[in-house]
Amino acid sequence: MQFIKHDINAAAALAKTEDGKLVIEQNGKTINYVFNDGKIIRSSGE
């Protein structure tokens, strides 16, 4: 939650995809959060 809050605070755009992925756009960078199989996975290009 701390990471999600930090990413959302700096977000320029927010979206939720049909498959439940949280997509956060930040200054040309996209961060994706997925809850799957008992894990939250945060992925960005880096």
All heavy atoms as atom14 arrays in JSON, in Angstrom:
{
  "sequence": "MQFIKHDINAAAALAKTEDGKLVIEQNGKTINYVFNDGKIIRSSGE",
  "atom14_mask": [
    [1, 1, 1, 1, 1, 1, 1, 1, 0, 0, 0, 0, 0, 0],
    [1, 1, 1, 1, 1, 1, 1, 1, 1, 0, 0, 0, 0, 0],
    [1, 1, 1, 1, 1, 1, 1, 1, 1, 1, 1, 0, 0, 0],
    [1, 1, 1, 1, 1, 1, 1, 1, 0, 0, 0, 0, 0, 0],
    [1, 1, 1, 1, 1, 1, 1, 1, 1, 0, 0, 0, 0, 0],
    [1, 1, 1, 1, 1, 1, 1, 1, 1, 1, 0, 0, 0, 0],
    [1, 1, 1, 1, 1, 1, 1, 1, 0, 0, 0, 0, 0, 0],
    [1, 1, 1, 1, 1, 1, 1, 1, 0, 0, 0, 0, 0, 0],
    [1, 1, 1, 1, 1, 1, 1, 1, 0, 0, 0, 0, 0, 0],
    [1, 1, 1, 1, 1, 0, 0, 0, 0, 0, 0, 0, 0, 0],
    [1, 1, 1, 1, 1, 0, 0, 0, 0, 0, 0, 0, 0, 0],
    [1, 1, 1, 1, 1, 0, 0, 0, 0, 0, 0, 0, 0, 0],
    [1, 1, 1, 1, 1, 0, 0, 0, 0, 0, 0, 0, 0, 0],
    [1, 1, 1, 1, 1, 1, 1, 1, 0, 0, 0, 0, 0, 0],
    [1, 1, 1, 1, 1, 0, 0, 0, 0, 0, 0, 0, 0, 0],
    [1, 1, 1, 1, 1, 1, 1, 1, 1, 0, 0, 0, 0, 0],
    [1, 1, 1, 1, 1, 1, 1, 0, 0, 0, 0, 0, 0, 0],
    [1, 1, 1, 1, 1, 1, 1, 1, 1, 0, 0, 0, 0, 0],
    [1, 1, 1, 1, 1, 1, 1, 1, 0, 0, 0, 0, 0, 0],
    [1, 1, 1, 1, 0, 0, 0, 0, 0, 0, 0, 0, 0, 0],
    [1, 1, 1, 1, 1, 1, 1, 1, 1, 0, 0, 0, 0, 0],
    [1, 1, 1, 1, 1, 1, 1, 1, 0, 0, 0, 0, 0, 0],
    [1, 1, 1, 1, 1, 1, 1, 0, 0, 0, 0, 0, 0, 0],
    [1, 1, 1, 1, 1, 1, 1, 1, 0, 0, 0, 0, 0, 0],
    [1, 1, 1, 1, 1, 1, 1, 1, 1, 0, 0, 0, 0, 0],
    [1, 1, 1, 1, 1, 1, 1, 1, 1, 0, 0, 0, 0, 0],
    [1, 1, 1, 1, 1, 1, 1, 1, 0, 0, 0, 0, 0, 0],
    [1, 1, 1, 1, 0, 0, 0, 0, 0, 0, 0, 0, 0, 0],
    [1, 1, 1, 1, 1, 1, 1, 1, 1, 0, 0, 0, 0, 0],
    [1, 1, 1, 1, 1, 1, 1, 0, 0, 0, 0, 0, 0, 0],
    [1, 1, 1, 1, 1, 1, 1, 1, 0, 0, 0, 0, 0, 0],
    [1, 1, 1, 1, 1, 1, 1, 1, 0, 0, 0, 0, 0, 0],
    [1, 1, 1, 1, 1, 1, 1, 1, 1, 1, 1, 1, 0, 0],
    [1, 1, 1, 1, 1, 1, 1, 0, 0, 0, 0, 0, 0, 0],
    [1, 1, 1, 1, 1, 1, 1, 1, 1, 1, 1, 0, 0, 0],
    [1, 1, 1, 1, 1, 1, 1, 1, 0, 0, 0, 0, 0, 0],
    [1, 1, 1, 1, 1, 1, 1, 1, 0, 0, 0, 0, 0, 0],
    [1, 1, 1, 1, 0, 0, 0, 0, 0, 0, 0, 0, 0, 0],
    [1, 1, 1, 1, 1, 1, 1, 1, 1, 0, 0, 0, 0, 0],
    [1, 1, 1, 1, 1, 1, 1, 1, 0, 0, 0, 0, 0, 0],
    [1, 1, 1, 1, 1, 1, 1, 1, 0, 0, 0, 0, 0, 0],
    [1, 1, 1, 1, 1, 1, 1, 1, 1, 1, 1, 0, 0, 0],
    [1, 1, 1, 1, 1, 1, 0, 0, 0, 0, 0, 0, 0, 0],
    [1, 1, 1, 1, 1, 1, 0, 0, 0, 0, 0, 0, 0, 0],
    [1, 1, 1, 1, 0, 0, 0, 0, 0, 0, 0, 0, 0, 0],
    [1, 1, 1, 1, 1, 1, 1, 1, 1, 0, 0, 0, 0, 0]
  ],
  "atom14_positions": [
    [[0.83, -1.22, 0.0], [0.0, 0.0, 0.0], [0.86, 1.26, 0.0], [0.5, 2.26, -0.62], [-0.93, 0.04, 1.21], [-2.02, -0.95, 1.21], [-3.17, -0.67, -0.12], [-3.79, -2.29, -0.3], [0.0, 0.0, 0.0], [0.0, 0.0, 0.0], [0.0, 0.0, 0.0], [0.0, 0.0, 0.0], [0.0, 0.0, 0.0], [0.0, 0.0, 0.0]],
    [[1.98, 1.22, 0.69], [2.87, 2.39, 0.71], [3.4, 2.7, -0.69], [3.46, 3.85, -1.1], [4.02, 2.17, 1.68], [3.61, 2.22, 3.13], [4.78, 1.97, 4.06], [5.8, 1.42, 3.69], [4.6, 2.36, 5.32], [0.0, 0.0, 0.0], [0.0, 0.0, 0.0], [0.0, 0.0, 0.0], [0.0, 0.0, 0.0], [0.0, 0.0, 0.0]],
    [[3.77, 1.66, -1.43], [4.25, 1.86, -2.8], [3.12, 2.36, -3.7], [3.32, 3.27, -4.51], [4.85, 0.57, -3.36], [6.27, 0.35, -2.97], [6.58, -0.26, -1.77], [7.29, 0.76, -3.8], [7.9, -0.46, -1.4], [8.62, 0.57, -3.44], [8.92, -0.04, -2.23], [0.0, 0.0, 0.0], [0.0, 0.0, 0.0], [0.0, 0.0, 0.0]],
    [[1.94, 1.76, -3.55], [0.8, 2.16, -4.38], [0.46, 3.63, -4.1], [0.24, 4.41, -5.03], [-0.41, 1.24, -4.12], [-0.1, -0.18, -4.61], [-1.66, 1.79, -4.8], [-1.14, -1.21, -4.22], [0.0, 0.0, 0.0], [0.0, 0.0, 0.0], [0.0, 0.0, 0.0], [0.0, 0.0, 0.0], [0.0, 0.0, 0.0], [0.0, 0.0, 0.0]],
    [[0.42, 4.0, -2.82], [0.11, 5.39, -2.46], [1.12, 6.35, -3.07], [0.75, 7.37, -3.64], [0.1, 5.53, -0.94], [-0.16, 6.94, -0.46], [-0.09, 7.02, 1.04], [-0.27, 8.44, 1.54], [-0.15, 8.54, 2.98], [0.0, 0.0, 0.0], [0.0, 0.0, 0.0], [0.0, 0.0, 0.0], [0.0, 0.0, 0.0], [0.0, 0.0, 0.0]],
    [[2.39, 6.02, -2.97], [3.44, 6.87, -3.52], [3.27, 7.01, -5.04], [3.39, 8.13, -5.58], [4.81, 6.28, -3.19], [5.94, 7.09, -3.71], [6.51, 6.85, -4.93], [6.59, 8.16, -3.18], [7.48, 7.72, -5.14], [7.54, 8.53, -4.11], [0.0, 0.0, 0.0], [0.0, 0.0, 0.0], [0.0, 0.0, 0.0], [0.0, 0.0, 0.0]],
    [[2.99, 5.92, -5.72], [2.83, 5.97, -7.18], [1.59, 6.76, -7.58], [1.61, 7.51, -8.55], [2.76, 4.55, -7.76], [4.1, 3.84, -7.7], [5.14, 4.52, -7.63], [4.11, 2.6, -7.73], [0.0, 0.0, 0.0], [0.0, 0.0, 0.0], [0.0, 0.0, 0.0], [0.0, 0.0, 0.0], [0.0, 0.0, 0.0], [0.0, 0.0, 0.0]],
    [[0.5, 6.61, -6.82], [-0.73, 7.33, -7.15], [-0.56, 8.83, -6.89], [-1.06, 9.66, -7.65], [-1.93, 6.76, -6.36], [-2.25, 5.35, -6.89], [-3.15, 7.66, -6.47], [-3.28, 4.61, -6.07], [0.0, 0.0, 0.0], [0.0, 0.0, 0.0], [0.0, 0.0, 0.0], [0.0, 0.0, 0.0], [0.0, 0.0, 0.0], [0.0, 0.0, 0.0]],
    [[0.13, 9.19, -5.83], [0.34, 10.62, -5.52], [1.06, 11.34, -6.66], [0.84, 12.53, -6.87], [1.12, 10.79, -4.23], [0.27, 10.57, -3.01], [-0.95, 10.65, -3.05], [0.91, 10.26, -1.89], [0.0, 0.0, 0.0], [0.0, 0.0, 0.0], [0.0, 0.0, 0.0], [0.0, 0.0, 0.0], [0.0, 0.0, 0.0], [0.0, 0.0, 0.0]],
    [[1.91, 10.64, -7.38], [2.66, 11.25, -8.47], [2.03, 10.95, -9.84], [2.63, 11.22, -10.87], [4.11, 10.74, -8.45], [0.0, 0.0, 0.0], [0.0, 0.0, 0.0], [0.0, 0.0, 0.0], [0.0, 0.0, 0.0], [0.0, 0.0, 0.0], [0.0, 0.0, 0.0], [0.0, 0.0, 0.0], [0.0, 0.0, 0.0], [0.0, 0.0, 0.0]],
    [[0.81, 10.41, -9.85], [0.19, 9.97, -11.09], [-0.38, 11.14, -11.9], [-0.91, 12.1, -11.36], [-0.93, 8.99, -10.8], [0.0, 0.0, 0.0], [0.0, 0.0, 0.0], [0.0, 0.0, 0.0], [0.0, 0.0, 0.0], [0.0, 0.0, 0.0], [0.0, 0.0, 0.0], [0.0, 0.0, 0.0], [0.0, 0.0, 0.0], [0.0, 0.0, 0.0]],
    [[-0.25, 11.01, -13.22], [-0.9, 11.94, -14.13], [-2.21, 11.35, -14.64], [-3.13, 12.07, -14.99], [0.02, 12.24, -15.31], [0.0, 0.0, 0.0], [0.0, 0.0, 0.0], [0.0, 0.0, 0.0], [0.0, 0.0, 0.0], [0.0, 0.0, 0.0], [0.0, 0.0, 0.0], [0.0, 0.0, 0.0], [0.0, 0.0, 0.0], [0.0, 0.0, 0.0]],
    [[-2.31, 10.0, -14.67], [-3.53, 9.33, -15.11], [-3.63, 7.98, -14.41], [-2.62, 7.35, -14.1], [-3.5, 9.13, -16.62], [0.0, 0.0, 0.0], [0.0, 0.0, 0.0], [0.0, 0.0, 0.0], [0.0, 0.0, 0.0], [0.0, 0.0, 0.0], [0.0, 0.0, 0.0], [0.0, 0.0, 0.0], [0.0, 0.0, 0.0], [0.0, 0.0, 0.0]],
    [[-4.88, 7.55, -14.18], [-5.16, 6.28, -13.52], [-6.19, 5.51, -14.34], [-7.09, 6.1, -14.91], [-5.74, 6.5, -12.12], [-4.91, 7.31, -11.13], [-5.76, 7.67, -9.92], [-3.7, 6.51, -10.71], [0.0, 0.0, 0.0], [0.0, 0.0, 0.0], [0.0, 0.0, 0.0], [0.0, 0.0, 0.0], [0.0, 0.0, 0.0], [0.0, 0.0, 0.0]],
    [[-6.05, 4.18, -14.36], [-7.03, 3.35, -15.06], [-7.01, 1.95, -14.46], [-6.03, 1.53, -13.85], [-6.72, 3.28, -16.55], [0.0, 0.0, 0.0], [0.0, 0.0, 0.0], [0.0, 0.0, 0.0], [0.0, 0.0, 0.0], [0.0, 0.0, 0.0], [0.0, 0.0, 0.0], [0.0, 0.0, 0.0], [0.0, 0.0, 0.0], [0.0, 0.0, 0.0]],
    [[-8.12, 1.25, -14.65], [-8.21, -0.16, -14.29], [-8.64, -0.91, -15.53], [-9.64, -0.57, -16.16], [-9.23, -0.37, -13.16], [-9.36, -1.81, -12.73], [-10.37, -1.97, -11.61], [-10.54, -3.44, -11.25], [-11.56, -3.62, -10.21], [0.0, 0.0, 0.0], [0.0, 0.0, 0.0], [0.0, 0.0, 0.0], [0.0, 0.0, 0.0], [0.0, 0.0, 0.0]],
    [[-7.87, -1.92, -15.92], [-8.19, -2.68, -17.11], [-9.27, -3.7, -16.81], [-9.62, -3.94, -15.65], [-6.93, -3.41, -17.65], [-6.48, -4.34, -16.66], [-5.82, -2.42, -17.96], [0.0, 0.0, 0.0], [0.0, 0.0, 0.0], [0.0, 0.0, 0.0], [0.0, 0.0, 0.0], [0.0, 0.0, 0.0], [0.0, 0.0, 0.0], [0.0, 0.0, 0.0]],
    [[-9.81, -4.31, -17.86], [-10.87, -5.3, -17.69], [-10.42, -6.52, -16.91], [-11.22, -7.16, -16.24], [-11.42, -5.72, -19.05], [-12.22, -4.63, -19.73], [-12.8, -5.09, -21.05], [-12.88, -6.31, -21.28], [-13.17, -4.22, -21.85], [0.0, 0.0, 0.0], [0.0, 0.0, 0.0], [0.0, 0.0, 0.0], [0.0, 0.0, 0.0], [0.0, 0.0, 0.0]],
    [[-9.14, -6.85, -17.0], [-8.64, -8.01, -16.26], [-8.2, -7.65, -14.84], [-7.62, -8.47, -14.14], [-7.5, -8.69, -17.02], [-6.31, -7.78, -17.28], [-6.41, -6.57, -17.01], [-5.27, -8.29, -17.74], [0.0, 0.0, 0.0], [0.0, 0.0, 0.0], [0.0, 0.0, 0.0], [0.0, 0.0, 0.0], [0.0, 0.0, 0.0], [0.0, 0.0, 0.0]],
    [[-8.49, -6.43, -14.38], [-8.24, -6.05, -12.99], [-6.9, -5.41, -12.71], [-6.56, -5.15, -11.56], [0.0, 0.0, 0.0], [0.0, 0.0, 0.0], [0.0, 0.0, 0.0], [0.0, 0.0, 0.0], [0.0, 0.0, 0.0], [0.0, 0.0, 0.0], [0.0, 0.0, 0.0], [0.0, 0.0, 0.0], [0.0, 0.0, 0.0], [0.0, 0.0, 0.0]],
    [[-6.13, -5.11, -13.74], [-4.83, -4.49, -13.56], [-5.0, -3.0, -13.28], [-5.79, -2.33, -13.92], [-3.99, -4.68, -14.82], [-2.57, -4.19, -14.72], [-1.82, -4.26, -16.03], [-1.8, -5.64, -16.61], [-1.03, -5.74, -17.86], [0.0, 0.0, 0.0], [0.0, 0.0, 0.0], [0.0, 0.0, 0.0], [0.0, 0.0, 0.0], [0.0, 0.0, 0.0]],
    [[-4.26, -2.48, -12.3], [-4.25, -1.05, -12.0], [-3.1, -0.43, -12.78], [-1.94, -0.84, -12.64], [-4.06, -0.83, -10.5], [-3.94, 0.61, -10.02], [-5.22, 1.4, -10.33], [-3.65, 0.65, -8.53], [0.0, 0.0, 0.0], [0.0, 0.0, 0.0], [0.0, 0.0, 0.0], [0.0, 0.0, 0.0], [0.0, 0.0, 0.0], [0.0, 0.0, 0.0]],
    [[-3.41, 0.55, -13.62], [-2.42, 1.2, -14.48], [-2.26, 2.64, -14.02], [-3.23, 3.39, -13.95], [-2.84, 1.15, -15.96], [-1.79, 1.81, -16.84], [-3.08, -0.29, -16.4], [0.0, 0.0, 0.0], [0.0, 0.0, 0.0], [0.0, 0.0, 0.0], [0.0, 0.0, 0.0], [0.0, 0.0, 0.0], [0.0, 0.0, 0.0], [0.0, 0.0, 0.0]],
    [[-1.02, 3.02, -13.72], [-0.7, 4.36, -13.24], [0.3, 4.98, -14.22], [1.37, 4.43, -14.44], [-0.1, 4.31, -11.82], [-1.07, 3.64, -10.86], [0.29, 5.7, -11.35], [-0.49, 3.34, -9.5], [0.0, 0.0, 0.0], [0.0, 0.0, 0.0], [0.0, 0.0, 0.0], [0.0, 0.0, 0.0], [0.0, 0.0, 0.0], [0.0, 0.0, 0.0]],
    [[-0.09, 6.11, -14.78], [0.78, 6.85, -15.71], [1.47, 7.98, -14.94], [0.81, 8.76, -14.26], [-0.02, 7.44, -16.87], [-0.69, 6.43, -17.75], [0.27, 5.71, -18.68], [1.35, 6.26, -18.97], [-0.06, 4.59, -19.09], [0.0, 0.0, 0.0], [0.0, 0.0, 0.0], [0.0, 0.0, 0.0], [0.0, 0.0, 0.0], [0.0, 0.0, 0.0]],
    [[2.79, 8.05, -15.09], [3.58, 9.1, -14.43], [4.61, 9.65, -15.4], [5.54, 8.95, -15.75], [4.35, 8.55, -13.23], [3.57, 8.06, -12.08], [4.5, 7.53, -11.0], [5.66, 7.22, -11.25], [3.98, 7.43, -9.8], [0.0, 0.0, 0.0], [0.0, 0.0, 0.0], [0.0, 0.0, 0.0], [0.0, 0.0, 0.0], [0.0, 0.0, 0.0]],
    [[4.45, 10.86, -15.85], [5.47, 11.54, -16.65], [6.14, 10.62, -17.68], [7.36, 10.45, -17.67], [6.54, 12.17, -15.75], [5.94, 13.19, -14.82], [4.98, 13.87, -15.17], [6.5, 13.3, -13.63], [0.0, 0.0, 0.0], [0.0, 0.0, 0.0], [0.0, 0.0, 0.0], [0.0, 0.0, 0.0], [0.0, 0.0, 0.0], [0.0, 0.0, 0.0]],
    [[5.38, 10.01, -18.55], [5.93, 9.15, -19.58], [6.29, 7.75, -19.11], [6.83, 6.96, -19.88], [0.0, 0.0, 0.0], [0.0, 0.0, 0.0], [0.0, 0.0, 0.0], [0.0, 0.0, 0.0], [0.0, 0.0, 0.0], [0.0, 0.0, 0.0], [0.0, 0.0, 0.0], [0.0, 0.0, 0.0], [0.0, 0.0, 0.0], [0.0, 0.0, 0.0]],
    [[6.02, 7.42, -17.89], [6.33, 6.1, -17.33], [5.01, 5.43, -16.92], [4.12, 6.08, -16.37], [7.23, 6.29, -16.11], [7.6, 5.06, -15.37], [8.64, 5.43, -14.3], [8.39, 4.7, -13.02], [9.34, 5.04, -11.98], [0.0, 0.0, 0.0], [0.0, 0.0, 0.0], [0.0, 0.0, 0.0], [0.0, 0.0, 0.0], [0.0, 0.0, 0.0]],
    [[4.89, 4.15, -17.21], [3.69, 3.4, -16.85], [4.03, 2.37, -15.78], [4.99, 1.6, -15.92], [3.1, 2.68, -18.08], [2.79, 3.64, -19.08], [1.84, 1.92, -17.71], [0.0, 0.0, 0.0], [0.0, 0.0, 0.0], [0.0, 0.0, 0.0], [0.0, 0.0, 0.0], [0.0, 0.0, 0.0], [0.0, 0.0, 0.0], [0.0, 0.0, 0.0]],
    [[3.23, 2.35, -14.72], [3.4, 1.38, -13.64], [2.14, 0.54, -13.58], [1.02, 1.08, -13.56], [3.65, 2.09, -12.29], [4.9, 2.95, -12.37], [3.75, 1.07, -11.17], [5.11, 3.86, -11.2], [0.0, 0.0, 0.0], [0.0, 0.0, 0.0], [0.0, 0.0, 0.0], [0.0, 0.0, 0.0], [0.0, 0.0, 0.0], [0.0, 0.0, 0.0]],
    [[2.3, -0.76, -13.55], [1.18, -1.68, -13.49], [1.2, -2.44, -12.17], [2.25, -2.91, -11.74], [1.25, -2.7, -14.63], [1.15, -2.05, -15.98], [0.21, -1.32, -16.25], [2.13, -2.29, -16.83], [0.0, 0.0, 0.0], [0.0, 0.0, 0.0], [0.0, 0.0, 0.0], [0.0, 0.0, 0.0], [0.0, 0.0, 0.0], [0.0, 0.0, 0.0]],
    [[0.03, -2.55, -11.57], [-0.14, -3.38, -10.38], [-1.14, -4.48, -10.7], [-2.2, -4.21, -11.28], [-0.68, -2.56, -9.2], [0.36, -1.71, -8.52], [0.56, -0.39, -8.9], [1.14, -2.23, -7.5], [1.51, 0.39, -8.27], [2.09, -1.45, -6.86], [2.27, -0.15, -7.25], [3.22, 0.61, -6.63], [0.0, 0.0, 0.0], [0.0, 0.0, 0.0]],
    [[-0.79, -5.71, -10.32], [-1.65, -6.85, -10.53], [-1.73, -7.64, -9.23], [-0.7, -7.87, -8.58], [-1.1, -7.77, -11.65], [-1.97, -9.0, -11.84], [-0.95, -7.01, -12.95], [0.0, 0.0, 0.0], [0.0, 0.0, 0.0], [0.0, 0.0, 0.0], [0.0, 0.0, 0.0], [0.0, 0.0, 0.0], [0.0, 0.0, 0.0], [0.0, 0.0, 0.0]],
    [[-2.95, -8.04, -8.85], [-3.12, -8.96, -7.74], [-3.45, -10.31, -8.35], [-4.46, -10.47, -9.03], [-4.23, -8.52, -6.79], [-4.45, -9.49, -5.66], [-3.54, -9.57, -4.63], [-5.54, -10.34, -5.65], [-3.72, -10.47, -3.6], [-5.73, -11.23, -4.62], [-4.82, -11.3, -3.6], [0.0, 0.0, 0.0], [0.0, 0.0, 0.0], [0.0, 0.0, 0.0]],
    [[-2.55, -11.29, -8.13], [-2.72, -12.59, -8.77], [-2.08, -13.67, -7.91], [-0.93, -13.51, -7.47], [-2.08, -12.56, -10.16], [-2.45, -13.75, -11.0], [-3.31, -14.54, -10.62], [-1.82, -13.87, -12.14], [0.0, 0.0, 0.0], [0.0, 0.0, 0.0], [0.0, 0.0, 0.0], [0.0, 0.0, 0.0], [0.0, 0.0, 0.0], [0.0, 0.0, 0.0]],
    [[-2.79, -14.74, -7.68], [-2.27, -15.9, -6.95], [-1.65, -15.53, -5.6], [-0.57, -15.98, -5.25], [-1.23, -16.65, -7.79], [-1.84, -17.27, -9.04], [-3.02, -17.66, -8.99], [-1.13, -17.37, -10.05], [0.0, 0.0, 0.0], [0.0, 0.0, 0.0], [0.0, 0.0, 0.0], [0.0, 0.0, 0.0], [0.0, 0.0, 0.0], [0.0, 0.0, 0.0]],
    [[-2.33, -14.68, -4.85], [-1.84, -14.31, -3.53], [-0.63, -13.4, -3.53], [0.11, -13.35, -2.55], [0.0, 0.0, 0.0], [0.0, 0.0, 0.0], [0.0, 0.0, 0.0], [0.0, 0.0, 0.0], [0.0, 0.0, 0.0], [0.0, 0.0, 0.0], [0.0, 0.0, 0.0], [0.0, 0.0, 0.0], [0.0, 0.0, 0.0], [0.0, 0.0, 0.0]],
    [[-0.43, -12.68, -4.62], [0.7, -11.75, -4.72], [0.24, -10.45, -5.35], [-0.62, -10.44, -6.22], [1.81, -12.32, -5.6], [2.46, -13.56, -5.08], [3.51, -14.06, -6.03], [4.1, -15.34, -5.5], [5.08, -15.9, -6.41], [0.0, 0.0, 0.0], [0.0, 0.0, 0.0], [0.0, 0.0, 0.0], [0.0, 0.0, 0.0], [0.0, 0.0, 0.0]],
    [[0.82, -9.35, -4.9], [0.7, -8.09, -5.61], [2.01, -7.9, -6.37], [3.09, -7.97, -5.77], [0.47, -6.9, -4.67], [-0.9, -7.0, -4.01], [0.58, -5.58, -5.43], [-1.2, -5.88, -3.05], [0.0, 0.0, 0.0], [0.0, 0.0, 0.0], [0.0, 0.0, 0.0], [0.0, 0.0, 0.0], [0.0, 0.0, 0.0], [0.0, 0.0, 0.0]],
    [[1.9, -7.69, -7.65], [3.08, -7.52, -8.49], [3.06, -6.11, -9.06], [2.08, -5.69, -9.67], [3.11, -8.56, -9.63], [3.11, -9.97, -9.04], [4.32, -8.33, -10.52], [2.88, -11.06, -10.05], [0.0, 0.0, 0.0], [0.0, 0.0, 0.0], [0.0, 0.0, 0.0], [0.0, 0.0, 0.0], [0.0, 0.0, 0.0], [0.0, 0.0, 0.0]],
    [[4.14, -5.38, -8.83], [4.32, -4.02, -9.36], [5.37, -4.1, -10.46], [6.49, -4.56, -10.23], [4.81, -3.07, -8.27], [5.09, -1.66, -8.74], [5.84, -0.87, -7.67], [6.01, 0.52, -8.03], [7.06, 0.99, -8.7], [8.04, 0.2, -9.07], [7.13, 2.27, -8.98], [0.0, 0.0, 0.0], [0.0, 0.0, 0.0], [0.0, 0.0, 0.0]],
    [[5.0, -3.68, -11.65], [5.97, -3.71, -12.73], [5.96, -2.38, -13.48], [4.92, -1.76, -13.66], [5.68, -4.86, -13.7], [4.39, -4.73, -14.26], [0.0, 0.0, 0.0], [0.0, 0.0, 0.0], [0.0, 0.0, 0.0], [0.0, 0.0, 0.0], [0.0, 0.0, 0.0], [0.0, 0.0, 0.0], [0.0, 0.0, 0.0], [0.0, 0.0, 0.0]],
    [[7.14, -1.97, -13.84], [7.32, -0.79, -14.68], [8.36, -1.19, -15.73], [8.84, -2.3, -15.73], [7.79, 0.42, -13.86], [9.06, 0.18, -13.33], [0.0, 0.0, 0.0], [0.0, 0.0, 0.0], [0.0, 0.0, 0.0], [0.0, 0.0, 0.0], [0.0, 0.0, 0.0], [0.0, 0.0, 0.0], [0.0, 0.0, 0.0], [0.0, 0.0, 0.0]],
    [[8.7, -0.29, -16.58], [9.7, -0.61, -17.59], [11.06, -0.9, -16.99], [11.89, -1.56, -17.6], [0.0, 0.0, 0.0], [0.0, 0.0, 0.0], [0.0, 0.0, 0.0], [0.0, 0.0, 0.0], [0.0, 0.0, 0.0], [0.0, 0.0, 0.0], [0.0, 0.0, 0.0], [0.0, 0.0, 0.0], [0.0, 0.0, 0.0], [0.0, 0.0, 0.0]],
    [[11.3, -0.42, -15.77], [12.62, -0.52, -15.16], [12.78, -1.75, -14.25], [13.81, -2.38, -14.24], [12.9, 0.74, -14.34], [12.82, 2.0, -15.17], [12.62, 3.23, -14.31], [12.53, 3.11, -13.07], [12.55, 4.32, -14.89], [0.0, 0.0, 0.0], [0.0, 0.0, 0.0], [0.0, 0.0, 0.0], [0.0, 0.0, 0.0], [0.0, 0.0, 0.0]]
  ]
}
